[in-house]
Amino acid sequence: MPWTEEQGIMLTGTMEKSMLRVEEAAELLSVRRWTIYRWVEDGRLRGTKLGKGSSRIFRESVTGLIKHNETTMSGVLTGGEAAIVCSQLQRRQTFLLQLEQA
């Protein structure tokens, strides 16, 4: 799944927030919000409930999932595709470093 500049801006825009709304996490990961709920149930993401019906996803679990998928994908592609993915991974890593420094 290609990483867009818009997603990077969203991710860096959440530097101050330790928790994301389900919709924010879904948009960052390019999935539907129900996928986020399923991933929380499956343990792929960590989240918490606030009050009766409001859920939040821990930002570090989103960045952890991105890092895990980058590591998993790095050995799969070859040739020109690998160069494109490598460029995208470098941009993601820059965003993740900015998050960690916040």
Protein backbone atom coordinates (compact mmCIF):
# COMPACT_ATOMS: atom_id res chain seq x y z
CA MET A 1 0.00 0.00 0.00
CA PRO A 2 1.70 3.25 -1.09
CA TRP A 3 2.31 5.91 1.53
CA THR A 4 0.97 9.31 0.48
CA GLU A 5 2.22 12.73 1.47
CA GLU A 6 -1.24 13.45 2.90
CA GLN A 7 -0.94 10.48 5.25
CA GLY A 8 2.51 11.70 6.28
CA ILE A 9 1.15 15.13 7.06
CA MET A 10 -1.67 13.52 9.06
CA LEU A 11 0.81 11.37 10.97
CA THR A 12 3.08 14.29 11.79
CA GLY A 13 0.02 16.39 12.62
CA THR A 14 -0.78 13.92 15.39
CA MET A 15 2.60 14.35 17.12
CA GLU A 16 1.03 15.92 20.16
CA LYS A 17 -1.68 13.31 20.48
CA SER A 18 -0.93 10.03 22.20
CA MET A 19 -4.31 8.62 21.16
CA LEU A 20 -6.09 8.75 17.82
CA ARG A 21 -9.76 8.49 17.00
CA VAL A 22 -10.69 5.30 15.18
CA GLU A 23 -11.37 7.31 12.03
CA GLU A 24 -7.91 8.96 12.20
CA ALA A 25 -6.15 5.61 12.61
CA ALA A 26 -8.20 4.14 9.75
CA GLU A 27 -7.29 7.00 7.43
CA LEU A 28 -3.59 6.79 8.32
CA LEU A 29 -3.54 3.06 7.60
CA SER A 30 -5.82 3.30 4.53
CA VAL A 31 -8.38 0.88 5.94
CA ARG A 32 -11.98 1.14 7.08
CA ARG A 33 -12.78 1.89 10.71
CA TRP A 34 -14.23 -1.61 11.21
CA THR A 35 -10.84 -3.01 10.30
CA ILE A 36 -9.36 -0.91 13.11
CA TYR A 37 -11.89 -2.38 15.57
CA ARG A 38 -11.03 -5.90 14.35
CA TRP A 39 -7.30 -5.24 14.65
CA VAL A 40 -7.78 -4.04 18.22
CA GLU A 41 -9.72 -7.23 19.02
CA ASP A 42 -7.00 -9.34 17.35
CA GLY A 43 -4.22 -7.52 19.20
CA ARG A 44 -2.61 -5.97 16.10
CA LEU A 45 -3.39 -2.49 17.49
CA ARG A 46 -3.81 -1.28 21.06
CA GLY A 47 -6.76 0.85 21.99
CA THR A 48 -8.94 1.88 24.89
CA LYS A 49 -12.54 2.83 25.49
CA LEU A 50 -13.39 6.29 26.74
CA GLY A 51 -16.79 6.44 28.32
CA LYS A 52 -19.66 4.42 26.95
CA GLY A 53 -19.09 4.27 23.19
CA SER A 54 -15.95 6.19 22.32
CA SER A 55 -12.73 4.35 21.46
CA ARG A 56 -9.20 5.64 20.98
CA ILE A 57 -6.19 3.95 19.41
CA PHE A 58 -2.73 4.43 20.88
CA ARG A 59 -0.54 6.30 18.39
CA GLU A 60 2.51 4.17 19.15
CA SER A 61 0.59 1.01 18.22
CA VAL A 62 -0.19 2.55 14.80
CA THR A 63 3.45 3.50 14.25
CA GLY A 64 4.50 0.05 15.49
CA LEU A 65 2.23 -1.63 12.95
CA ILE A 66 3.68 0.55 10.18
CA LYS A 67 7.24 -0.32 11.26
CA HIS A 68 6.40 -4.03 11.44
CA ASN A 69 4.92 -4.00 7.94
CA GLU A 70 7.91 -2.09 6.57
CA THR A 71 10.23 -4.75 7.98
CA THR A 72 8.07 -7.55 6.59
CA MET A 73 7.81 -5.97 3.13
CA SER A 74 11.48 -5.06 2.75
CA GLY A 75 12.54 -8.63 1.82
CA VAL A 76 9.72 -9.33 -0.64
CA LEU A 77 10.27 -6.90 -3.55
CA THR A 78 13.09 -6.85 -6.08
CA GLY A 79 14.25 -4.63 -8.95
CA GLY A 80 12.53 -1.33 -9.73
CA GLU A 81 9.71 -2.02 -7.28
CA ALA A 82 12.22 -2.26 -4.46
CA ALA A 83 13.63 1.18 -5.28
CA ILE A 84 10.15 2.73 -5.18
CA VAL A 85 9.27 1.02 -1.92
CA CYS A 86 12.64 1.97 -0.44
CA SER A 87 11.94 5.63 -1.21
CA GLN A 88 8.51 5.37 0.41
CA LEU A 89 9.99 3.62 3.45
CA GLN A 90 12.56 6.38 3.88
CA ARG A 91 9.78 8.98 3.93
CA ARG A 92 7.84 6.91 6.48
CA GLN A 93 10.91 6.53 8.65
CA THR A 94 11.40 10.29 8.59
CA PHE A 95 7.83 10.78 9.78
CA LEU A 96 8.24 8.13 12.48
CA LEU A 97 11.46 9.74 13.70
CA GLN A 98 9.64 13.06 13.97
CA LEU A 99 6.93 11.36 16.04
CA GLU A 100 9.44 9.74 18.36
CA GLN A 101 11.20 13.04 18.94
CA ALA A 102 7.98 14.78 19.92
